[in-house]
């Protein structure tokens, strides 16, 4: 749900950018958003393949890692998008403002440092 929310925000960003002249800073920010989504998506695909290959294992470390990466991606989307589209982009697209709000609510499901601490503990357990 989180990554889908971030992808929905990006769809709205595309709609805003179709109607404006995009400057180099906006292009860089758009690239940052696409890179973040692509990386999180790739990690989810990889994690799903691991789980499918060995469904009997717990896969705690890869699952925690994927969750943290998707959360970080969504935080990037929440941070970069308003700067990318500016006030006019936010005010012209009700869908963008709504999607940003929804994404913020979705991320409340993440338990912040507690989830990251669990990931750190899993990494430490897995060290050779």
Protein backbone atom coordinates (compact mmCIF):
# COMPACT_ATOMS: atom_id res chain seq x y z
CA UNK A 1 0.00 0.00 0.00
CA UNK A 2 2.81 2.41 0.82
CA UNK A 3 4.63 2.10 -2.47
CA UNK A 4 1.36 2.24 -4.36
CA UNK A 5 0.59 5.48 -2.55
CA UNK A 6 3.96 6.90 -3.54
CA UNK A 7 3.40 5.82 -7.15
CA UNK A 8 0.03 7.56 -7.12
CA UNK A 9 1.69 10.78 -5.96
CA UNK A 10 4.17 10.44 -8.80
CA UNK A 11 1.30 10.05 -11.29
CA UNK A 12 -0.10 13.35 -10.04
CA UNK A 13 3.35 14.97 -10.29
CA UNK A 14 3.50 13.92 -13.93
CA UNK A 15 0.13 15.56 -14.54
CA UNK A 16 1.35 18.82 -12.97
CA UNK A 17 4.57 18.80 -14.98
CA UNK A 18 2.74 18.30 -18.27
CA UNK A 19 1.28 21.79 -17.81
CA UNK A 20 4.48 23.63 -16.83
CA UNK A 21 7.93 24.45 -18.07
CA UNK A 22 10.24 22.21 -16.06
CA UNK A 23 13.52 23.70 -14.85
CA UNK A 24 16.76 21.77 -14.15
CA UNK A 25 16.07 21.59 -10.40
CA UNK A 26 12.66 20.09 -11.02
CA UNK A 27 14.17 17.57 -13.43
CA UNK A 28 16.66 16.57 -10.74
CA UNK A 29 13.90 16.21 -8.16
CA UNK A 30 11.81 14.17 -10.59
CA UNK A 31 14.82 11.93 -11.19
CA UNK A 32 15.25 11.54 -7.43
CA UNK A 33 11.63 10.43 -7.06
CA UNK A 34 11.86 7.95 -9.92
CA UNK A 35 15.12 6.50 -8.59
CA UNK A 36 13.65 6.08 -5.11
CA UNK A 37 10.53 4.34 -6.40
CA UNK A 38 12.47 2.10 -8.78
CA UNK A 39 14.90 1.03 -6.04
CA UNK A 40 12.13 0.25 -3.55
CA UNK A 41 10.15 -1.62 -6.19
CA UNK A 42 13.20 -3.69 -7.20
CA UNK A 43 13.85 -4.61 -3.58
CA UNK A 44 10.23 -5.68 -3.12
CA UNK A 45 10.44 -7.87 -6.23
CA UNK A 46 13.70 -9.41 -4.98
CA UNK A 47 12.24 -10.02 -1.51
CA UNK A 48 9.13 -11.62 -2.97
CA UNK A 49 11.31 -13.93 -5.06
CA UNK A 50 13.26 -14.97 -1.95
CA UNK A 51 10.04 -15.74 -0.10
CA UNK A 52 8.59 -17.65 -3.06
CA UNK A 53 11.81 -19.68 -3.41
CA UNK A 54 11.83 -20.73 0.26
CA UNK A 55 8.36 -20.20 1.71
CA UNK A 56 9.18 -22.15 4.88
CA UNK A 57 11.76 -19.64 6.10
CA UNK A 58 10.92 -16.53 8.14
CA UNK A 59 12.87 -14.08 5.91
CA UNK A 60 12.84 -11.48 8.71
CA UNK A 61 15.91 -9.55 7.55
CA UNK A 62 14.88 -9.13 3.89
CA UNK A 63 11.31 -8.27 4.91
CA UNK A 64 12.49 -5.67 7.44
CA UNK A 65 14.90 -4.26 4.88
CA UNK A 66 12.22 -3.99 2.19
CA UNK A 67 9.83 -2.32 4.63
CA UNK A 68 12.48 0.21 5.68
CA UNK A 69 13.43 0.95 2.07
CA UNK A 70 9.82 1.52 1.04
CA UNK A 71 9.25 3.75 4.07
CA UNK A 72 12.35 5.80 3.17
CA UNK A 73 11.15 6.07 -0.43
CA UNK A 74 7.76 7.33 0.72
CA UNK A 75 9.36 9.88 3.04
CA UNK A 76 11.40 11.10 0.07
CA UNK A 77 8.23 11.44 -1.98
CA UNK A 78 6.55 13.39 0.82
CA UNK A 79 9.56 15.69 1.18
CA UNK A 80 10.50 16.27 -2.46
CA UNK A 81 7.08 16.49 -4.12
CA UNK A 82 5.95 19.83 -2.63
CA UNK A 83 9.29 21.41 -3.58
CA UNK A 84 9.10 19.92 -7.05
CA UNK A 85 5.60 21.10 -7.95
CA UNK A 86 5.56 24.27 -5.84
CA UNK A 87 2.54 26.03 -4.41
CA UNK A 88 0.85 26.38 -7.78
CA UNK A 89 1.19 22.66 -8.50
CA UNK A 90 -0.21 21.77 -5.11
CA UNK A 91 -3.13 24.15 -5.43
CA UNK A 92 -4.04 23.19 -9.02
CA UNK A 93 -4.26 19.46 -8.40
CA UNK A 94 -6.67 18.38 -5.66
CA UNK A 95 -5.66 14.79 -6.33
CA UNK A 96 -2.03 15.54 -5.52
CA UNK A 97 -2.82 17.16 -2.18
CA UNK A 98 -5.16 14.26 -1.31
CA UNK A 99 -2.61 11.62 -2.32
CA UNK A 100 0.13 13.31 -0.29
CA UNK A 101 -2.19 13.33 2.73
CA UNK A 102 -3.13 9.68 2.24
CA UNK A 103 0.52 8.68 1.93
CA UNK A 104 1.32 10.46 5.18
CA UNK A 105 -1.47 8.53 6.91
CA UNK A 106 -0.29 5.21 5.44
CA UNK A 107 3.20 5.81 6.80
CA UNK A 108 1.82 6.10 10.33
CA UNK A 109 1.75 2.28 10.19
CA UNK A 110 5.55 2.31 10.31
CA UNK A 111 6.98 2.21 13.79
CA UNK A 112 9.97 4.41 13.07
CA UNK A 113 13.08 3.66 15.06
CA UNK A 114 11.53 0.52 16.55
CA UNK A 115 11.25 -1.05 13.08
CA UNK A 116 14.74 0.19 12.15
CA UNK A 117 16.12 -1.22 15.42
CA UNK A 118 14.59 -4.58 14.52
CA UNK A 119 16.31 -4.37 11.13
CA UNK A 120 19.63 -3.50 12.81
CA UNK A 121 19.26 -6.44 15.19
CA UNK A 122 18.49 -8.76 12.27
CA UNK A 123 21.55 -7.52 10.40
CA UNK A 124 23.72 -8.13 13.45
CA UNK A 125 22.33 -11.66 13.84
CA UNK A 126 23.11 -12.38 10.18
CA UNK A 127 26.70 -11.15 10.28
CA UNK A 128 29.23 -13.89 9.47
